[in-house]
Amino acid sequence: MSEYLTLDEVHPTVDLAAYYDAKATMWHRYRVPGSHFLLIKSGEIEAISPTGHYRAKPGDMLSFRATDVNEYGTHGPVVFYEAHIQLARPPKHRQTLWLDEIGLLPEHLSLGNQFDRMREQFETFCIDLPNADAASRCRVNGAVWQMLNILATVAKKLPDSGQKLDEWQRARLRLSTNLKASLEIQDLAKEMGISADHFIRRFKQRFGITPKLLRTQARLRFAAQSLRAGGGSIKSLAFALGFEDAYSFTRAFKRYLGILPSDLRAGGAEKESTIGTPAETGSLLKPNQHIVPANVQLDAAMYSRYTPPPKK
């Protein structure tokens, strides 16, 4: 099993979120089952991971990978957002996310003009995570994908970002993008000088998924984003993405995402009417407390082991 997680394997679960307005010095040392994200609004956070020691300032994002020990703390007042997210289901939930053209997701990233967009996603976690209804759950999952989209967009612009793609990675990238265009597997195989059957076997050996399923899942994720944004009818979207009819699209959507397209559209519309702009949401957030999904008991022993801050 690969030590890295690809976007095609991401099936997120948000375990915990929080909005902190902390006045006192603090230091946290703990273990989480998946990835841990911190977004700094004001003040400074010091963080230690197995791969680095960071000082994150306003507008920065910290993306801890799953490890036995994560550490972070402050030496003064700070306002920040937090989210613990399992990006995949067990046994892959502790694997590190790999993004094509970028490589491993950077642990410390300055978001620049993308900060407000990122803050919207964390506010969605804080507001909607405690709700058990389908619309709230859709918004939370959608916010994870938006968060990854923002991180990938910012990381791609770094001068030293990226890894050179080999021909198989390029083929996967083409299959998962330009989703409304006609792209035949036999054409990709011909470009590589192999048969379509050989291409399919090698592709599955390399990425653990068939090229057809990868493209279908990419189209469904794109459809989910479009429906959440309120763009176009379900029927027109189905045809644009290459499905035979709205019925086959709805069936595939339900099988892959666990909800109906109409449910997601309803969730997106509700978000626009209840959450509003980032500037309007501050009063809705509950500061300085852990927020967990409905009917979930927080494992305090896992999330709250405190030790004094390290000596400077």
C-alpha atoms as a PDB file:
ATOM      1  CA  MET A   1       0.000   0.000   0.000  1.00  0.00           C
ATOM      2  CA  SER A   2       1.330   3.433  -0.963  1.00  0.00           C
ATOM      3  CA  GLU A   3       2.251   5.838   1.839  1.00  0.00           C
ATOM      4  CA  TYR A   4       0.583   8.670  -0.083  1.00  0.00           C
ATOM      5  CA  LEU A   5      -3.056   9.487  -0.615  1.00  0.00           C
ATOM      6  CA  THR A   6      -4.244  10.744  -4.016  1.00  0.00           C
ATOM      7  CA  LEU A   7      -7.198  13.042  -4.633  1.00  0.00           C
ATOM      8  CA  ASP A   8      -9.086  10.117  -6.128  1.00  0.00           C
ATOM      9  CA  GLU A   9      -8.940   8.376  -2.733  1.00  0.00           C
ATOM     10  CA  VAL A  10     -10.092  11.352  -0.659  1.00  0.00           C
ATOM     11  CA  HIS A  11     -13.320  10.659   1.232  1.00  0.00           C
ATOM     12  CA  PRO A  12     -13.279  13.276   4.003  1.00  0.00           C
ATOM     13  CA  THR A  13     -14.631  13.129   7.533  1.00  0.00           C
ATOM     14  CA  VAL A  14     -14.379  16.246   9.712  1.00  0.00           C
ATOM     15  CA  ASP A  15     -13.905  15.077  13.299  1.00  0.00           C
ATOM     16  CA  LEU A  16     -13.542  18.414  15.046  1.00  0.00           C
ATOM     17  CA  ALA A  17     -13.526  22.153  14.389  1.00  0.00           C
ATOM     18  CA  ALA A  18     -12.923  25.210  16.539  1.00  0.00           C
ATOM     19  CA  TYR A  19     -12.659  28.990  16.527  1.00  0.00           C
ATOM     20  CA  TYR A  20     -10.255  30.295  19.162  1.00  0.00           C
ATOM     21  CA  ASP A  21      -9.822  33.771  20.592  1.00  0.00           C
ATOM     22  CA  ALA A  22      -7.087  32.976  23.093  1.00  0.00           C
ATOM     23  CA  LYS A  23      -5.575  35.559  25.425  1.00  0.00           C
ATOM     24  CA  ALA A  24      -3.164  33.441  27.461  1.00  0.00           C
ATOM     25  CA  THR A  25      -0.039  31.507  26.565  1.00  0.00           C
ATOM     26  CA  MET A  26      -0.773  27.869  25.786  1.00  0.00           C
ATOM     27  CA  TRP A  27       0.910  24.752  24.460  1.00  0.00           C
ATOM     28  CA  HIS A  28      -0.756  21.598  23.107  1.00  0.00           C
ATOM     29  CA  ARG A  29       0.829  18.207  22.540  1.00  0.00           C
ATOM     30  CA  TYR A  30      -1.419  15.448  21.207  1.00  0.00           C
ATOM     31  CA  ARG A  31      -2.121  12.791  18.591  1.00  0.00           C
ATOM     32  CA  VAL A  32      -4.941  12.903  16.026  1.00  0.00           C
ATOM     33  CA  PRO A  33      -6.156  10.111  13.746  1.00  0.00           C
ATOM     34  CA  GLY A  34      -5.844  12.140  10.527  1.00  0.00           C
ATOM     35  CA  SER A  35      -4.774  15.569   9.277  1.00  0.00           C
ATOM     36  CA  HIS A  36      -4.831  18.715  11.399  1.00  0.00           C
ATOM     37  CA  PHE A  37      -5.297  22.210   9.954  1.00  0.00           C
ATOM     38  CA  LEU A  38      -4.783  25.597  11.629  1.00  0.00           C
ATOM     39  CA  LEU A  39      -5.673  28.961  10.060  1.00  0.00           C
ATOM     40  CA  ILE A  40      -4.220  32.018  11.800  1.00  0.00           C
ATOM     41  CA  LYS A  41      -6.250  35.234  11.814  1.00  0.00           C
ATOM     42  CA  SER A  42      -4.170  37.289  14.254  1.00  0.00           C
ATOM     43  CA  GLY A  43      -1.203  36.739  16.543  1.00  0.00           C
ATOM     44  CA  GLU A  44       1.361  33.996  16.016  1.00  0.00           C
ATOM     45  CA  ILE A  45       1.438  30.225  16.444  1.00  0.00           C
ATOM     46  CA  GLU A  46       4.576  28.162  16.956  1.00  0.00           C
ATOM     47  CA  ALA A  47       4.309  24.620  15.631  1.00  0.00           C
ATOM     48  CA  ILE A  48       6.541  21.563  15.722  1.00  0.00           C
ATOM     49  CA  SER A  49       6.150  18.518  13.500  1.00  0.00           C
ATOM     50  CA  PRO A  50       8.476  15.635  12.602  1.00  0.00           C
ATOM     51  CA  THR A  51       9.503  17.529   9.456  1.00  0.00           C
ATOM     52  CA  GLY A  52       9.849  21.100  10.644  1.00  0.00           C
ATOM     53  CA  HIS A  53       9.560  23.919  13.173  1.00  0.00           C
ATOM     54  CA  TYR A  54       7.302  26.774  12.065  1.00  0.00           C
ATOM     55  CA  ARG A  55       6.138  30.206  13.174  1.00  0.00           C
ATOM     56  CA  ALA A  56       2.811  30.930  11.527  1.00  0.00           C
ATOM     57  CA  LYS A  57       1.603  34.529  11.292  1.00  0.00           C
ATOM     58  CA  PRO A  58      -1.723  36.128  10.297  1.00  0.00           C
ATOM     59  CA  GLY A  59      -2.851  34.814   6.917  1.00  0.00           C
ATOM     60  CA  ASP A  60      -0.853  31.587   7.276  1.00  0.00           C
ATOM     61  CA  MET A  61      -2.121  28.010   7.260  1.00  0.00           C
ATOM     62  CA  LEU A  62      -0.565  25.012   8.983  1.00  0.00           C
ATOM     63  CA  SER A  63      -1.353  21.560   7.589  1.00  0.00           C
ATOM     64  CA  PHE A  64      -0.107  18.903   9.989  1.00  0.00           C
ATOM     65  CA  ARG A  65       0.186  15.400   8.623  1.00  0.00           C
ATOM     66  CA  ALA A  66      -0.939  12.456  10.730  1.00  0.00           C
ATOM     67  CA  THR A  67       1.803  11.680  13.262  1.00  0.00           C
ATOM     68  CA  ASP A  68       2.057  10.199  16.729  1.00  0.00           C
ATOM     69  CA  VAL A  69       2.742  13.652  18.208  1.00  0.00           C
ATOM     70  CA  ASN A  70       1.698  17.096  16.969  1.00  0.00           C
ATOM     71  CA  GLU A  71       2.643  20.218  18.902  1.00  0.00           C
ATOM     72  CA  TYR A  72       1.649  23.842  18.686  1.00  0.00           C
ATOM     73  CA  GLY A  73       1.277  26.787  21.000  1.00  0.00           C
ATOM     74  CA  THR A  74       1.254  30.537  21.466  1.00  0.00           C
ATOM     75  CA  HIS A  75       3.249  33.073  23.419  1.00  0.00           C
ATOM     76  CA  GLY A  76       0.576  35.766  23.440  1.00  0.00           C
ATOM     77  CA  PRO A  77      -2.956  36.593  22.261  1.00  0.00           C
ATOM     78  CA  VAL A  78      -4.014  34.793  19.078  1.00  0.00           C
ATOM     79  CA  VAL A  79      -7.167  34.243  17.006  1.00  0.00           C
ATOM     80  CA  PHE A  80      -7.265  31.142  14.813  1.00  0.00           C
ATOM     81  CA  TYR A  81      -9.424  28.379  13.339  1.00  0.00           C
ATOM     82  CA  GLU A  82      -8.817  24.651  13.681  1.00  0.00           C
ATOM     83  CA  ALA A  83     -10.044  21.478  11.983  1.00  0.00           C
ATOM     84  CA  HIS A  84      -9.200  17.794  12.446  1.00  0.00           C
ATOM     85  CA  ILE A  85     -10.012  15.930   9.233  1.00  0.00           C
ATOM     86  CA  GLN A  86      -9.615  12.315   8.191  1.00  0.00           C
ATOM     87  CA  LEU A  87      -9.122  12.704   4.448  1.00  0.00           C
ATOM     88  CA  ALA A  88      -9.819   9.025   3.727  1.00  0.00           C
ATOM     89  CA  ARG A  89     -11.419   6.048   5.368  1.00  0.00           C
ATOM     90  CA  PRO A  90      -9.321   3.489   7.267  1.00  0.00           C
ATOM     91  CA  PRO A  91      -6.839   2.046   6.560  1.00  0.00           C
ATOM     92  CA  LYS A  92      -5.737   5.063   4.451  1.00  0.00           C
ATOM     93  CA  HIS A  93      -6.815   7.768   6.897  1.00  0.00           C
ATOM     94  CA  ARG A  94      -3.256   8.418   8.139  1.00  0.00           C
ATOM     95  CA  GLN A  95      -1.643   8.644   4.728  1.00  0.00           C
ATOM     96  CA  THR A  96      -0.215  11.967   3.495  1.00  0.00           C
ATOM     97  CA  LEU A  97      -2.032  13.749   0.680  1.00  0.00           C
ATOM     98  CA  TRP A  98      -0.156  14.008  -2.628  1.00  0.00           C
ATOM     99  CA  LEU A  99      -1.232  16.586  -5.208  1.00  0.00           C
ATOM    100  CA  ASP A 100      -0.199  16.312  -8.851  1.00  0.00           C
ATOM    101  CA  GLU A 101       2.086  19.161  -9.987  1.00  0.00           C
ATOM    102  CA  ILE A 102       2.742  20.048  -6.331  1.00  0.00           C
ATOM    103  CA  GLY A 103       3.769  16.920  -4.470  1.00  0.00           C
ATOM    104  CA  LEU A 104       3.106  16.693  -0.743  1.00  0.00           C
ATOM    105  CA  LEU A 105       0.864  19.402   0.655  1.00  0.00           C
ATOM    106  CA  PRO A 106       3.098  22.055   2.306  1.00  0.00           C
ATOM    107  CA  GLU A 107       2.879  22.090   6.091  1.00  0.00           C
ATOM    108  CA  HIS A 108       3.249  25.886   6.282  1.00  0.00           C
ATOM    109  CA  LEU A 109       1.699  28.129   3.653  1.00  0.00           C
ATOM    110  CA  SER A 110       0.973  31.865   3.403  1.00  0.00           C
ATOM    111  CA  LEU A 111      -2.451  32.231   1.767  1.00  0.00           C
ATOM    112  CA  GLY A 112      -2.206  35.883   0.688  1.00  0.00           C
ATOM    113  CA  ASN A 113      -5.424  37.052  -0.968  1.00  0.00           C
ATOM    114  CA  GLN A 114      -6.939  33.561  -0.561  1.00  0.00           C
ATOM    115  CA  PHE A 115      -7.236  33.948   3.218  1.00  0.00           C
ATOM    116  CA  ASP A 116     -10.862  35.129   3.213  1.00  0.00           C
ATOM    117  CA  ARG A 117     -11.930  32.225   1.008  1.00  0.00           C
ATOM    118  CA  MET A 118     -10.200  29.819   3.371  1.00  0.00           C
ATOM    119  CA  ARG A 119     -11.804  31.429   6.388  1.00  0.00           C
ATOM    120  CA  GLU A 120     -15.228  30.789   4.849  1.00  0.00           C
ATOM    121  CA  GLN A 121     -14.505  27.057   4.794  1.00  0.00           C
ATOM    122  CA  PHE A 122     -13.488  26.955   8.461  1.00  0.00           C
ATOM    123  CA  GLU A 123     -16.559  28.964   9.399  1.00  0.00           C
ATOM    124  CA  THR A 124     -18.651  26.398   7.546  1.00  0.00           C
ATOM    125  CA  PHE A 125     -17.027  23.657   9.655  1.00  0.00           C
ATOM    126  CA  CYS A 126     -17.775  25.529  12.876  1.00  0.00           C
ATOM    127  CA  ILE A 127     -21.394  26.362  11.997  1.00  0.00           C
ATOM    128  CA  ASP A 128     -22.554  23.214  10.224  1.00  0.00           C
ATOM    129  CA  LEU A 129     -20.562  20.390  11.829  1.00  0.00           C
ATOM    130  CA  PRO A 130     -22.922  19.932  14.825  1.00  0.00           C
ATOM    131  CA  ASN A 131     -25.958  19.539  12.538  1.00  0.00           C
ATOM    132  CA  ALA A 132     -27.013  16.062  11.414  1.00  0.00           C
ATOM    133  CA  ASP A 133     -29.217  17.085   8.453  1.00  0.00           C
ATOM    134  CA  ALA A 134     -28.139  16.245   4.902  1.00  0.00           C
ATOM    135  CA  ALA A 135     -27.730  19.872   3.813  1.00  0.00           C
ATOM    136  CA  SER A 136     -25.289  20.642   6.656  1.00  0.00           C
ATOM    137  CA  ARG A 137     -23.288  17.485   6.005  1.00  0.00           C
ATOM    138  CA  CYS A 138     -23.050  18.401   2.321  1.00  0.00           C
ATOM    139  CA  ARG A 139     -21.773  21.855   3.191  1.00  0.00           C
ATOM    140  CA  VAL A 140     -19.108  20.429   5.513  1.00  0.00           C
ATOM    141  CA  ASN A 141     -17.859  17.961   2.894  1.00  0.00           C
ATOM    142  CA  GLY A 142     -17.953  20.658   0.239  1.00  0.00           C
ATOM    143  CA  ALA A 143     -15.885  22.936   2.477  1.00  0.00           C
ATOM    144  CA  VAL A 144     -13.167  20.250   2.727  1.00  0.00           C
ATOM    145  CA  TRP A 145     -12.901  20.133  -1.071  1.00  0.00           C
ATOM    146  CA  GLN A 146     -12.840  23.917  -1.272  1.00  0.00           C
ATOM    147  CA  MET A 147     -10.099  23.992   1.374  1.00  0.00           C
ATOM    148  CA  LEU A 148      -7.978  21.561  -0.651  1.00  0.00           C
ATOM    149  CA  ASN A 149      -8.674  23.557  -3.795  1.00  0.00           C
ATOM    150  CA  ILE A 150      -7.406  26.753  -2.163  1.00  0.00           C
ATOM    151  CA  LEU A 151      -4.304  25.048  -0.756  1.00  0.00           C
ATOM    152  CA  ALA A 152      -3.497  23.530  -4.161  1.00  0.00           C
ATOM    153  CA  THR A 153      -4.019  26.871  -5.912  1.00  0.00           C
ATOM    154  CA  VAL A 154      -1.681  28.707  -3.541  1.00  0.00           C
ATOM    155  CA  ALA A 155       0.957  25.942  -3.393  1.00  0.00           C
ATOM    156  CA  LYS A 156       1.094  25.690  -7.189  1.00  0.00           C
ATOM    157  CA  LYS A 157       2.287  29.297  -7.383  1.00  0.00           C
ATOM    158  CA  LEU A 158       5.306  28.700  -5.142  1.00  0.00           C
ATOM    159  CA  PRO A 159       8.647  29.023  -6.993  1.00  0.00           C
ATOM    160  CA  ASP A 160       9.847  25.612  -5.840  1.00  0.00           C
ATOM    161  CA  SER A 161       6.510  23.815  -6.079  1.00  0.00           C
ATOM    162  CA  GLY A 162       5.852  20.784  -8.133  1.00  0.00           C
ATOM    163  CA  GLN A 163       7.350  17.564  -9.262  1.00  0.00           C
ATOM    164  CA  LYS A 164       7.817  16.634 -12.893  1.00  0.00           C
ATOM    165  CA  LEU A 165       4.975  14.420 -14.042  1.00  0.00           C
ATOM    166  CA  ASP A 166       5.693  11.171 -15.812  1.00  0.00           C
ATOM    167  CA  GLU A 167       3.510  10.001 -18.696  1.00  0.00           C
ATOM    168  CA  TRP A 168       1.139   8.090 -16.403  1.00  0.00           C
ATOM    169  CA  GLN A 169       0.624  11.070 -14.097  1.00  0.00           C
ATOM    170  CA  ARG A 170      -0.037  13.264 -17.120  1.00  0.00           C
ATOM    171  CA  ALA A 171      -2.612  10.756 -18.382  1.00  0.00           C
ATOM    172  CA  ARG A 172      -4.357  10.734 -15.003  1.00  0.00           C
ATOM    173  CA  LEU A 173      -4.347  14.543 -14.930  1.00  0.00           C
ATOM    174  CA  ARG A 174      -5.973  14.688 -18.371  1.00  0.00           C
ATOM    175  CA  LEU A 175      -8.625  12.162 -17.337  1.00  0.00           C
ATOM    176  CA  SER A 176      -9.518  14.130 -14.201  1.00  0.00           C
ATOM    177  CA  THR A 177      -9.664  17.552 -15.907  1.00  0.00           C
ATOM    178  CA  ASN A 178     -11.418  18.977 -18.993  1.00  0.00           C
ATOM    179  CA  LEU A 179     -14.371  16.903 -17.873  1.00  0.00           C
ATOM    180  CA  LYS A 180     -16.810  18.226 -20.460  1.00  0.00           C
ATOM    181  CA  ALA A 181     -14.499  17.324 -23.354  1.00  0.00           C
ATOM    182  CA  SER A 182     -14.500  14.012 -25.196  1.00  0.00           C
ATOM    183  CA  LEU A 183     -11.468  11.977 -24.197  1.00  0.00           C
ATOM    184  CA  GLU A 184     -11.151   8.327 -25.204  1.00  0.00           C
ATOM    185  CA  ILE A 185      -8.956   5.848 -23.351  1.00  0.00           C
ATOM    186  CA  GLN A 186      -7.821   4.312 -26.632  1.00  0.00           C
ATOM    187  CA  ASP A 187      -6.506   7.721 -27.712  1.00  0.00           C
ATOM    188  CA  LEU A 188      -4.392   8.028 -24.569  1.00  0.00           C
ATOM    189  CA  ALA A 189      -3.135   4.472 -25.053  1.00  0.00           C
ATOM    190  CA  LYS A 190      -2.225   5.219 -28.683  1.00  0.00           C
ATOM    191  CA  GLU A 191      -0.233   8.301 -27.643  1.00  0.00           C
ATOM    192  CA  MET A 192       1.795   6.046 -25.313  1.00  0.00           C
ATOM    193  CA  GLY A 193       2.241   3.372 -27.984  1.00  0.00           C
ATOM    194  CA  ILE A 194       0.344   0.614 -26.174  1.00  0.00           C
ATOM    195  CA  SER A 195      -3.019  -1.105 -26.507  1.00  0.00           C
ATOM    196  CA  ALA A 196      -6.096   0.115 -24.642  1.00  0.00           C
ATOM    197  CA  ASP A 197      -6.200  -3.103 -22.569  1.00  0.00           C
ATOM    198  CA  HIS A 198      -2.550  -2.687 -21.595  1.00  0.00           C
ATOM    199  CA  PHE A 199      -3.165   0.957 -20.703  1.00  0.00           C
ATOM    200  CA  ILE A 200      -6.082   0.040 -18.432  1.00  0.00           C
ATOM    201  CA  ARG A 201      -4.094  -2.694 -16.639  1.00  0.00           C
ATOM    202  CA  ARG A 202      -1.039  -0.507 -16.104  1.00  0.00           C
ATOM    203  CA  PHE A 203      -3.137   2.465 -15.014  1.00  0.00           C
ATOM    204  CA  LYS A 204      -4.931   0.391 -12.361  1.00  0.00           C
ATOM    205  CA  GLN A 205      -1.631  -1.089 -11.144  1.00  0.00           C
ATOM    206  CA  ARG A 206      -0.197   2.415 -10.785  1.00  0.00           C
ATOM    207  CA  PHE A 207      -3.148   4.261  -9.218  1.00  0.00           C
ATOM    208  CA  GLY A 208      -5.409   1.522  -7.837  1.00  0.00           C
ATOM    209  CA  ILE A 209      -8.388   2.601  -9.943  1.00  0.00           C
ATOM    210  CA  THR A 210      -9.450   2.106 -13.557  1.00  0.00           C
ATOM    211  CA  PRO A 211      -9.216   5.140 -15.854  1.00  0.00           C
ATOM    212  CA  LYS A 212     -12.957   4.991 -16.540  1.00  0.00           C
ATOM    213  CA  LEU A 213     -13.864   5.015 -12.841  1.00  0.00           C
ATOM    214  CA  LEU A 214     -11.383   7.810 -12.131  1.00  0.00           C
ATOM    215  CA  ARG A 215     -12.952   9.974 -14.835  1.00  0.00           C
ATOM    216  CA  THR A 216     -16.472   9.170 -13.658  1.00  0.00           C
ATOM    217  CA  GLN A 217     -15.621  10.103 -10.068  1.00  0.00           C
ATOM    218  CA  ALA A 218     -13.937  13.326 -11.199  1.00  0.00           C
ATOM    219  CA  ARG A 219     -17.060  14.231 -13.165  1.00  0.00           C
ATOM    220  CA  LEU A 220     -19.265  13.546 -10.150  1.00  0.00           C
ATOM    221  CA  ARG A 221     -17.102  15.740  -7.913  1.00  0.00           C
ATOM    222  CA  PHE A 222     -17.308  18.501 -10.515  1.00  0.00           C
ATOM    223  CA  ALA A 223     -21.080  17.995 -10.668  1.00  0.00           C
ATOM    224  CA  ALA A 224     -21.330  18.282  -6.873  1.00  0.00           C
ATOM    225  CA  GLN A 225     -19.454  21.595  -6.924  1.00  0.00           C
ATOM    226  CA  SER A 226     -21.623  22.904  -9.781  1.00  0.00           C
ATOM    227  CA  LEU A 227     -24.863  21.922  -8.061  1.00  0.00           C
ATOM    228  CA  ARG A 228     -23.721  23.430  -4.775  1.00  0.00           C
ATOM    229  CA  ALA A 229     -23.028  26.692  -6.632  1.00  0.00           C
ATOM    230  CA  GLY A 230     -26.490  26.528  -8.242  1.00  0.00           C
ATOM    231  CA  GLY A 231     -25.247  26.232 -11.816  1.00  0.00           C
ATOM    232  CA  GLY A 232     -27.541  24.698 -14.473  1.00  0.00           C
ATOM    233  CA  SER A 233     -30.169  21.996 -14.293  1.00  0.00           C
ATOM    234  CA  ILE A 234     -29.426  18.418 -13.267  1.00  0.00           C
ATOM    235  CA  LYS A 235     -30.404  17.191 -16.736  1.00  0.00           C
ATOM    236  CA  SER A 236     -28.157  19.648 -18.605  1.00  0.00           C
ATOM    237  CA  LEU A 237     -25.256  18.927 -16.269  1.00  0.00           C
ATOM    238  CA  ALA A 238     -25.683  15.176 -16.795  1.00  0.00           C
ATOM    239  CA  PHE A 239     -25.509  15.516 -20.582  1.00  0.00           C
ATOM    240  CA  ALA A 240     -22.592  17.976 -20.439  1.00  0.00           C
ATOM    241  CA  LEU A 241     -20.569  15.468 -18.408  1.00  0.00           C
ATOM    242  CA  GLY A 242     -21.213  12.577 -20.790  1.00  0.00           C
ATOM    243  CA  PHE A 243     -23.951  10.663 -18.965  1.00  0.00           C
ATOM    244  CA  GLU A 244     -26.647   9.037 -21.093  1.00  0.00           C
ATOM    245  CA  ASP A 245     -29.491  10.649 -19.187  1.00  0.00           C
ATOM    246  CA  ALA A 246     -30.421  12.262 -15.885  1.00  0.00           C
ATOM    247  CA  TYR A 247     -31.402   8.891 -14.401  1.00  0.00           C
ATOM    248  CA  SER A 248     -27.965   7.293 -14.939  1.00  0.00           C
ATOM    249  CA  PHE A 249     -26.320  10.468 -13.630  1.00  0.00           C
ATOM    250  CA  THR A 250     -28.496  10.488 -10.494  1.00  0.00           C
ATOM    251  CA  ARG A 251     -27.842   6.794  -9.861  1.00  0.00           C
ATOM    252  CA  ALA A 252     -24.046   7.234 -10.179  1.00  0.00           C
ATOM    253  CA  PHE A 253     -24.151  10.376  -8.032  1.00  0.00           C
ATOM    254  CA  LYS A 254     -26.063   8.602  -5.276  1.00  0.00           C
ATOM    255  CA  ARG A 255     -23.770   5.555  -5.393  1.00  0.00           C
ATOM    256  CA  TYR A 256     -20.556   7.609  -5.165  1.00  0.00           C
ATOM    257  CA  LEU A 257     -21.557  10.519  -2.889  1.00  0.00           C
ATOM    258  CA  GLY A 258     -24.361   8.910  -0.883  1.00  0.00           C
ATOM    259  CA  ILE A 259     -26.892  11.668  -1.606  1.00  0.00           C
ATOM    260  CA  LEU A 260     -29.110  12.757  -4.484  1.00  0.00           C
ATOM    261  CA  PRO A 261     -28.108  15.680  -6.716  1.00  0.00           C
ATOM    262  CA  SER A 262     -31.286  17.474  -5.645  1.00  0.00           C
ATOM    263  CA  ASP A 263     -30.203  17.191  -1.985  1.00  0.00           C
ATOM    264  CA  LEU A 264     -26.905  18.891  -2.696  1.00  0.00           C
ATOM    265  CA  ARG A 265     -28.558  21.672  -4.655  1.00  0.00           C
ATOM    266  CA  ALA A 266     -30.886  22.307  -1.726  1.00  0.00           C
ATOM    267  CA  GLY A 267     -27.884  22.438   0.621  1.00  0.00           C
ATOM    268  CA  GLY A 268     -26.079  24.955  -1.553  1.00  0.00           C
ATOM    269  CA  ALA A 269     -29.109  27.216  -1.765  1.00  0.00           C
ATOM    270  CA  GLU A 270     -29.586  27.137   1.997  1.00  0.00           C
ATOM    271  CA  LYS A 271     -26.001  28.090   2.622  1.00  0.00           C
ATOM    272  CA  GLU A 272     -26.374  31.289   0.633  1.00  0.00           C
ATOM    273  CA  SER A 273     -29.395  32.321   2.695  1.00  0.00           C
ATOM    274  CA  THR A 274     -28.168  31.424   6.199  1.00  0.00           C
ATOM    275  CA  ILE A 275     -24.419  31.845   6.366  1.00  0.00           C
ATOM    276  CA  GLY A 276     -23.799  34.949   4.286  1.00  0.00           C
ATOM    277  CA  THR A 277     -20.438  36.656   3.903  1.00  0.00           C
ATOM    278  CA  PRO A 278     -17.398  36.094   6.136  1.00  0.00           C
ATOM    279  CA  ALA A 279     -17.859  39.503   7.754  1.00  0.00           C
ATOM    280  CA  GLU A 280     -21.349  38.500   8.919  1.00  0.00           C
ATOM    281  CA  THR A 281     -20.496  35.179  10.523  1.00  0.00           C
ATOM    282  CA  GLY A 282     -18.397  36.192  13.511  1.00  0.00           C
ATOM    283  CA  SER A 283     -21.378  36.397  15.850  1.00  0.00           C
ATOM    284  CA  LEU A 284     -22.471  32.875  14.843  1.00  0.00           C
ATOM    285  CA  LEU A 285     -19.228  31.201  15.897  1.00  0.00           C
ATOM    286  CA  LYS A 286     -18.768  29.731  19.358  1.00  0.00           C
ATOM    287  CA  PRO A 287     -15.256  30.688  20.499  1.00  0.00           C
ATOM    288  CA  ASN A 288     -12.843  28.596  22.522  1.00  0.00           C
ATOM    289  CA  GLN A 289     -14.621  25.248  22.407  1.00  0.00           C
ATOM    290  CA  HIS A 290     -14.361  22.063  20.409  1.00  0.00           C
ATOM    291  CA  ILE A 291     -17.155  21.532  17.891  1.00  0.00           C
ATOM    292  CA  VAL A 292     -17.865  17.936  16.883  1.00  0.00           C
ATOM    293  CA  PRO A 293     -20.449  16.202  14.674  1.00  0.00           C
ATOM    294  CA  ALA A 294     -23.893  15.473  16.059  1.00  0.00           C
ATOM    295  CA  ASN A 295     -24.109  12.419  18.351  1.00  0.00           C
ATOM    296  CA  VAL A 296     -20.307  12.146  18.599  1.00  0.00           C
ATOM    297  CA  GLN A 297     -18.490  12.020  21.933  1.00  0.00           C
ATOM    298  CA  LEU A 298     -15.122  13.796  21.897  1.00  0.00           C
ATOM    299  CA  ASP A 299     -12.185  11.669  23.014  1.00  0.00           C
ATOM    300  CA  ALA A 300     -10.613  14.194  25.348  1.00  0.00           C
ATOM    301  CA  ALA A 301      -7.651  11.938  26.076  1.00  0.00           C
ATOM    302  CA  MET A 302      -6.693  12.006  22.407  1.00  0.00           C
ATOM    303  CA  TYR A 303      -7.217  15.700  21.708  1.00  0.00           C
ATOM    304  CA  SER A 304      -6.245  17.445  24.929  1.00  0.00           C
ATOM    305  CA  ARG A 305      -2.901  16.471  26.387  1.00  0.00           C
ATOM    306  CA  TYR A 306      -1.245  19.664  27.568  1.00  0.00           C
ATOM    307  CA  THR A 307       2.361  20.282  28.493  1.00  0.00           C
ATOM    308  CA  PRO A 308       4.203  23.503  29.292  1.00  0.00           C
ATOM    309  CA  PRO A 309       5.516  25.486  26.311  1.00  0.00           C
ATOM    310  CA  PRO A 310       9.122  24.737  25.306  1.00  0.00           C
ATOM    311  CA  LYS A 311      11.870  26.952  26.604  1.00  0.00           C
ATOM    312  CA  LYS A 312      13.066  29.556  24.120  1.00  0.00           C
END
